[in-house]
């Protein structure tokens, strides 16, 4: 198994460390030739969604990545990655727009408003999971095929639609590997079909 990590901007190295800890091979996607290598899943990290969106177009990565996701490539978007995958972004143009969700950018406020919380997400693990929010979005609404994995104070902060997994928070900034394990299981299920 090999996972590509979109490394245009943001917290991509932290995802690599999480995958390394699980013994999963990964590589950074920075330009078009990187996605010509075979890989089984894609991570779109936290960072600045507008910058990631612009760079996807500038580096000619937008169409190939969108096509891969639409053709079933498992993808995991955290924070900005969630925004990049959303079909609808309040007050702004969609980026890749493959996931049937409406999101609100910076819903939790500025950097100074960052916080963490521990919750159990039964779909992922029966142990409490640390949720780290940094200028995080939340999901306002989801389409019929989207499964809500976690709500915090009435707001959706984790969801899945078929091959797409998203979180408002940053699992890669904690030592807990349960969300990465969950994503790896999504890839294994896809490969076994």
C-alpha atoms as a PDB file:
ATOM      1  CA  UNK A   1       0.000   0.000   0.000  1.00  0.00           C
ATOM      2  CA  UNK A   2       1.219   3.464  -0.899  1.00  0.00           C
ATOM      3  CA  UNK A   3      -0.433   6.777   0.009  1.00  0.00           C
ATOM      4  CA  UNK A   4       0.180  10.090  -1.725  1.00  0.00           C
ATOM      5  CA  UNK A   5       0.157  13.218   0.435  1.00  0.00           C
ATOM      6  CA  UNK A   6      -0.623  16.513  -1.286  1.00  0.00           C
ATOM      7  CA  UNK A   7       2.403  18.570  -0.235  1.00  0.00           C
ATOM      8  CA  UNK A   8       1.682  21.976  -1.759  1.00  0.00           C
ATOM      9  CA  UNK A   9       1.217  23.740   1.573  1.00  0.00           C
ATOM     10  CA  UNK A  10       0.182  22.989   5.154  1.00  0.00           C
ATOM     11  CA  UNK A  11       0.632  20.100   7.596  1.00  0.00           C
ATOM     12  CA  UNK A  12       1.669  17.381   5.135  1.00  0.00           C
ATOM     13  CA  UNK A  13       4.812  16.219   6.985  1.00  0.00           C
ATOM     14  CA  UNK A  14       2.750  15.440  10.112  1.00  0.00           C
ATOM     15  CA  UNK A  15       0.583  13.061   8.045  1.00  0.00           C
ATOM     16  CA  UNK A  16       3.756  11.386   6.779  1.00  0.00           C
ATOM     17  CA  UNK A  17       4.901  10.863  10.392  1.00  0.00           C
ATOM     18  CA  UNK A  18       1.530   9.256  11.261  1.00  0.00           C
ATOM     19  CA  UNK A  19       1.766   6.898   8.265  1.00  0.00           C
ATOM     20  CA  UNK A  20       5.421   6.104   9.091  1.00  0.00           C
ATOM     21  CA  UNK A  21       4.337   5.165  12.628  1.00  0.00           C
ATOM     22  CA  UNK A  22       1.852   2.705  11.083  1.00  0.00           C
ATOM     23  CA  UNK A  23       4.468   1.284   8.705  1.00  0.00           C
ATOM     24  CA  UNK A  24       2.638   2.587   5.617  1.00  0.00           C
ATOM     25  CA  UNK A  25       4.644   3.833   2.660  1.00  0.00           C
ATOM     26  CA  UNK A  26       3.867   7.382   1.530  1.00  0.00           C
ATOM     27  CA  UNK A  27       5.249  10.036  -0.784  1.00  0.00           C
ATOM     28  CA  UNK A  28       4.718  13.757  -1.365  1.00  0.00           C
ATOM     29  CA  UNK A  29       2.735  15.051  -4.331  1.00  0.00           C
ATOM     30  CA  UNK A  30       4.156  18.400  -5.431  1.00  0.00           C
ATOM     31  CA  UNK A  31       3.878  18.327  -9.216  1.00  0.00           C
ATOM     32  CA  UNK A  32       2.085  16.509 -12.016  1.00  0.00           C
ATOM     33  CA  UNK A  33       4.776  13.838 -12.517  1.00  0.00           C
ATOM     34  CA  UNK A  34       4.306  12.751  -8.862  1.00  0.00           C
ATOM     35  CA  UNK A  35       0.760  11.514  -9.519  1.00  0.00           C
ATOM     36  CA  UNK A  36       1.933   9.357 -12.406  1.00  0.00           C
ATOM     37  CA  UNK A  37       3.355   6.921  -9.819  1.00  0.00           C
ATOM     38  CA  UNK A  38       0.950   4.200  -8.678  1.00  0.00           C
ATOM     39  CA  UNK A  39      -0.677   4.854  -5.300  1.00  0.00           C
ATOM     40  CA  UNK A  40      -3.749   3.657  -3.401  1.00  0.00           C
ATOM     41  CA  UNK A  41      -5.002   6.653  -1.416  1.00  0.00           C
ATOM     42  CA  UNK A  42      -4.590  10.405  -1.118  1.00  0.00           C
ATOM     43  CA  UNK A  43      -4.355  12.747   1.872  1.00  0.00           C
ATOM     44  CA  UNK A  44      -5.166  16.454   1.493  1.00  0.00           C
ATOM     45  CA  UNK A  45      -3.780  18.109   4.640  1.00  0.00           C
ATOM     46  CA  UNK A  46      -4.705  21.141   6.673  1.00  0.00           C
ATOM     47  CA  UNK A  47      -3.275  24.510   5.660  1.00  0.00           C
ATOM     48  CA  UNK A  48      -4.858  27.317   3.649  1.00  0.00           C
ATOM     49  CA  UNK A  49      -7.628  26.015   1.384  1.00  0.00           C
ATOM     50  CA  UNK A  50      -7.566  28.980  -1.017  1.00  0.00           C
ATOM     51  CA  UNK A  51      -3.814  28.589  -1.581  1.00  0.00           C
ATOM     52  CA  UNK A  52      -4.154  24.806  -2.068  1.00  0.00           C
ATOM     53  CA  UNK A  53      -7.021  25.382  -4.525  1.00  0.00           C
ATOM     54  CA  UNK A  54      -4.992  27.901  -6.575  1.00  0.00           C
ATOM     55  CA  UNK A  55      -1.890  25.692  -6.625  1.00  0.00           C
ATOM     56  CA  UNK A  56      -3.908  22.662  -7.794  1.00  0.00           C
ATOM     57  CA  UNK A  57      -4.808  24.662 -10.923  1.00  0.00           C
ATOM     58  CA  UNK A  58      -1.417  26.337 -11.371  1.00  0.00           C
ATOM     59  CA  UNK A  59       0.457  23.003 -11.186  1.00  0.00           C
ATOM     60  CA  UNK A  60      -2.068  21.226 -13.438  1.00  0.00           C
ATOM     61  CA  UNK A  61      -3.033  18.821 -10.637  1.00  0.00           C
ATOM     62  CA  UNK A  62      -6.702  19.801 -10.380  1.00  0.00           C
ATOM     63  CA  UNK A  63      -8.178  17.657 -13.203  1.00  0.00           C
ATOM     64  CA  UNK A  64      -6.146  14.474 -12.559  1.00  0.00           C
ATOM     65  CA  UNK A  65      -6.807  14.538  -8.800  1.00  0.00           C
ATOM     66  CA  UNK A  66     -10.514  15.309  -9.235  1.00  0.00           C
ATOM     67  CA  UNK A  67     -10.780  12.423 -11.749  1.00  0.00           C
ATOM     68  CA  UNK A  68      -8.992  10.006  -9.398  1.00  0.00           C
ATOM     69  CA  UNK A  69     -11.385  10.845  -6.560  1.00  0.00           C
ATOM     70  CA  UNK A  70     -14.452  10.637  -8.818  1.00  0.00           C
ATOM     71  CA  UNK A  71     -13.208   7.225  -9.982  1.00  0.00           C
ATOM     72  CA  UNK A  72     -13.075   5.930  -6.401  1.00  0.00           C
ATOM     73  CA  UNK A  73      -9.573   6.748  -5.108  1.00  0.00           C
ATOM     74  CA  UNK A  74      -9.852   6.885  -1.289  1.00  0.00           C
ATOM     75  CA  UNK A  75      -9.104  10.415  -0.052  1.00  0.00           C
ATOM     76  CA  UNK A  76      -8.745  11.858   3.455  1.00  0.00           C
ATOM     77  CA  UNK A  77      -9.069  15.643   3.864  1.00  0.00           C
ATOM     78  CA  UNK A  78      -8.242  17.310   7.173  1.00  0.00           C
ATOM     79  CA  UNK A  79      -9.285  20.915   7.953  1.00  0.00           C
ATOM     80  CA  UNK A  80      -8.332  22.761   4.726  1.00  0.00           C
ATOM     81  CA  UNK A  81      -8.514  19.377   2.965  1.00  0.00           C
ATOM     82  CA  UNK A  82     -12.163  19.141   4.030  1.00  0.00           C
ATOM     83  CA  UNK A  83     -12.815  22.562   2.470  1.00  0.00           C
ATOM     84  CA  UNK A  84     -10.991  21.593  -0.751  1.00  0.00           C
ATOM     85  CA  UNK A  85     -13.217  18.497  -1.137  1.00  0.00           C
ATOM     86  CA  UNK A  86     -16.528  20.255  -0.310  1.00  0.00           C
ATOM     87  CA  UNK A  87     -19.105  20.797  -3.065  1.00  0.00           C
ATOM     88  CA  UNK A  88     -20.272  24.001  -1.371  1.00  0.00           C
ATOM     89  CA  UNK A  89     -18.278  26.568   0.614  1.00  0.00           C
ATOM     90  CA  UNK A  90     -20.240  29.410   2.163  1.00  0.00           C
ATOM     91  CA  UNK A  91     -19.363  32.679   0.428  1.00  0.00           C
ATOM     92  CA  UNK A  92     -16.738  31.180  -1.843  1.00  0.00           C
ATOM     93  CA  UNK A  93     -16.156  29.108  -4.990  1.00  0.00           C
ATOM     94  CA  UNK A  94     -15.687  25.332  -4.533  1.00  0.00           C
ATOM     95  CA  UNK A  95     -12.243  23.822  -5.200  1.00  0.00           C
ATOM     96  CA  UNK A  96     -12.254  20.083  -6.068  1.00  0.00           C
ATOM     97  CA  UNK A  97     -15.927  19.892  -5.018  1.00  0.00           C
ATOM     98  CA  UNK A  98     -16.409  16.105  -4.985  1.00  0.00           C
ATOM     99  CA  UNK A  99     -18.041  15.648  -1.559  1.00  0.00           C
ATOM    100  CA  UNK A 100     -21.703  16.487  -1.026  1.00  0.00           C
ATOM    101  CA  UNK A 101     -21.207  18.795   1.956  1.00  0.00           C
ATOM    102  CA  UNK A 102     -21.594  22.518   2.665  1.00  0.00           C
ATOM    103  CA  UNK A 103     -18.855  23.974   4.843  1.00  0.00           C
ATOM    104  CA  UNK A 104     -18.159  27.192   6.692  1.00  0.00           C
ATOM    105  CA  UNK A 105     -14.499  28.280   6.640  1.00  0.00           C
ATOM    106  CA  UNK A 106     -12.890  29.463   9.900  1.00  0.00           C
ATOM    107  CA  UNK A 107     -16.159  28.642  11.678  1.00  0.00           C
ATOM    108  CA  UNK A 108     -14.346  28.303  14.994  1.00  0.00           C
ATOM    109  CA  UNK A 109     -12.656  31.694  14.712  1.00  0.00           C
ATOM    110  CA  UNK A 110      -9.050  32.796  14.392  1.00  0.00           C
ATOM    111  CA  UNK A 111      -5.772  31.081  15.326  1.00  0.00           C
ATOM    112  CA  UNK A 112      -6.158  32.439  18.861  1.00  0.00           C
ATOM    113  CA  UNK A 113      -9.451  30.529  19.184  1.00  0.00           C
ATOM    114  CA  UNK A 114      -7.773  27.149  18.589  1.00  0.00           C
ATOM    115  CA  UNK A 115      -8.737  24.430  21.076  1.00  0.00           C
ATOM    116  CA  UNK A 116      -8.807  20.683  21.622  1.00  0.00           C
ATOM    117  CA  UNK A 117     -11.478  18.336  22.917  1.00  0.00           C
ATOM    118  CA  UNK A 118     -11.641  14.590  23.606  1.00  0.00           C
ATOM    119  CA  UNK A 119     -14.569  12.576  22.278  1.00  0.00           C
ATOM    120  CA  UNK A 120     -15.381   8.981  21.387  1.00  0.00           C
ATOM    121  CA  UNK A 121     -16.150   8.455  17.694  1.00  0.00           C
ATOM    122  CA  UNK A 122     -17.686   4.947  17.665  1.00  0.00           C
ATOM    123  CA  UNK A 123     -17.175   4.401  13.925  1.00  0.00           C
ATOM    124  CA  UNK A 124     -13.439   4.988  14.378  1.00  0.00           C
ATOM    125  CA  UNK A 125     -12.581   3.748  17.898  1.00  0.00           C
ATOM    126  CA  UNK A 126     -14.164   3.042  21.263  1.00  0.00           C
ATOM    127  CA  UNK A 127     -11.452   5.099  23.005  1.00  0.00           C
ATOM    128  CA  UNK A 128     -11.604   8.904  23.389  1.00  0.00           C
ATOM    129  CA  UNK A 129      -9.996  10.692  20.470  1.00  0.00           C
ATOM    130  CA  UNK A 130      -8.230  14.081  20.807  1.00  0.00           C
ATOM    131  CA  UNK A 131      -9.722  16.624  18.404  1.00  0.00           C
ATOM    132  CA  UNK A 132      -7.379  19.549  17.655  1.00  0.00           C
ATOM    133  CA  UNK A 133      -9.086  22.555  16.037  1.00  0.00           C
ATOM    134  CA  UNK A 134      -6.991  25.335  14.459  1.00  0.00           C
ATOM    135  CA  UNK A 135      -8.968  28.018  12.551  1.00  0.00           C
ATOM    136  CA  UNK A 136     -11.194  25.077  11.740  1.00  0.00           C
ATOM    137  CA  UNK A 137     -14.211  24.822   9.465  1.00  0.00           C
ATOM    138  CA  UNK A 138     -17.344  22.895  10.295  1.00  0.00           C
ATOM    139  CA  UNK A 139     -19.870  21.194   8.050  1.00  0.00           C
ATOM    140  CA  UNK A 140     -23.231  22.982   7.928  1.00  0.00           C
ATOM    141  CA  UNK A 141     -25.100  20.333   5.951  1.00  0.00           C
ATOM    142  CA  UNK A 142     -24.578  17.002   4.201  1.00  0.00           C
ATOM    143  CA  UNK A 143     -26.139  15.213   1.248  1.00  0.00           C
ATOM    144  CA  UNK A 144     -28.148  11.982   1.507  1.00  0.00           C
ATOM    145  CA  UNK A 145     -25.142   9.680   0.970  1.00  0.00           C
ATOM    146  CA  UNK A 146     -22.902  11.349   3.544  1.00  0.00           C
ATOM    147  CA  UNK A 147     -22.443   9.578   6.877  1.00  0.00           C
ATOM    148  CA  UNK A 148     -21.864  11.905   9.837  1.00  0.00           C
ATOM    149  CA  UNK A 149     -19.085  10.424  11.997  1.00  0.00           C
ATOM    150  CA  UNK A 150     -18.836  13.110  14.675  1.00  0.00           C
ATOM    151  CA  UNK A 151     -20.638  16.221  15.893  1.00  0.00           C
ATOM    152  CA  UNK A 152     -19.262  18.627  18.468  1.00  0.00           C
ATOM    153  CA  UNK A 153     -21.644  21.078  20.144  1.00  0.00           C
ATOM    154  CA  UNK A 154     -24.183  20.513  17.375  1.00  0.00           C
ATOM    155  CA  UNK A 155     -21.712  21.040  14.497  1.00  0.00           C
ATOM    156  CA  UNK A 156     -20.551  18.273  12.131  1.00  0.00           C
ATOM    157  CA  UNK A 157     -16.761  17.880  12.383  1.00  0.00           C
ATOM    158  CA  UNK A 158     -16.160  14.488  10.705  1.00  0.00           C
ATOM    159  CA  UNK A 159     -17.960  12.754   7.851  1.00  0.00           C
ATOM    160  CA  UNK A 160     -17.604  10.132   5.142  1.00  0.00           C
ATOM    161  CA  UNK A 161     -19.113   9.755   1.690  1.00  0.00           C
ATOM    162  CA  UNK A 162     -18.109   6.565  -0.137  1.00  0.00           C
ATOM    163  CA  UNK A 163     -14.338   6.915  -0.772  1.00  0.00           C
ATOM    164  CA  UNK A 164     -14.051  10.364   0.879  1.00  0.00           C
ATOM    165  CA  UNK A 165     -13.260  10.958   4.560  1.00  0.00           C
ATOM    166  CA  UNK A 166     -13.036  14.440   6.091  1.00  0.00           C
ATOM    167  CA  UNK A 167     -12.354  15.985   9.497  1.00  0.00           C
ATOM    168  CA  UNK A 168     -12.504  19.633  10.670  1.00  0.00           C
ATOM    169  CA  UNK A 169      -9.770  18.776  13.153  1.00  0.00           C
ATOM    170  CA  UNK A 170      -6.154  17.620  12.805  1.00  0.00           C
ATOM    171  CA  UNK A 171      -5.619  13.931  13.722  1.00  0.00           C
ATOM    172  CA  UNK A 172      -2.048  14.269  12.385  1.00  0.00           C
ATOM    173  CA  UNK A 173      -1.180  16.724  15.191  1.00  0.00           C
ATOM    174  CA  UNK A 174      -1.820  14.083  17.878  1.00  0.00           C
ATOM    175  CA  UNK A 175      -0.145  10.790  18.736  1.00  0.00           C
ATOM    176  CA  UNK A 176      -3.460   8.989  18.211  1.00  0.00           C
ATOM    177  CA  UNK A 177      -3.383   7.034  14.930  1.00  0.00           C
ATOM    178  CA  UNK A 178      -6.993   5.790  14.902  1.00  0.00           C
ATOM    179  CA  UNK A 179      -8.182   8.079  12.081  1.00  0.00           C
ATOM    180  CA  UNK A 180      -5.223   7.130   9.899  1.00  0.00           C
ATOM    181  CA  UNK A 181      -5.974   3.452  10.652  1.00  0.00           C
ATOM    182  CA  UNK A 182      -9.607   4.040   9.662  1.00  0.00           C
ATOM    183  CA  UNK A 183      -8.481   5.592   6.367  1.00  0.00           C
ATOM    184  CA  UNK A 184      -6.082   2.693   5.729  1.00  0.00           C
ATOM    185  CA  UNK A 185      -8.986   0.283   6.260  1.00  0.00           C
ATOM    186  CA  UNK A 186     -11.003   2.246   3.668  1.00  0.00           C
ATOM    187  CA  UNK A 187      -8.134   1.679   1.206  1.00  0.00           C
ATOM    188  CA  UNK A 188      -7.908  -2.035   2.081  1.00  0.00           C
ATOM    189  CA  UNK A 189     -11.669  -2.449   1.518  1.00  0.00           C
ATOM    190  CA  UNK A 190     -11.374  -0.741  -1.880  1.00  0.00           C
ATOM    191  CA  UNK A 191      -8.432  -2.962  -2.874  1.00  0.00           C
ATOM    192  CA  UNK A 192     -10.237  -6.147  -1.835  1.00  0.00           C
ATOM    193  CA  UNK A 193     -13.244  -5.435  -4.104  1.00  0.00           C
END
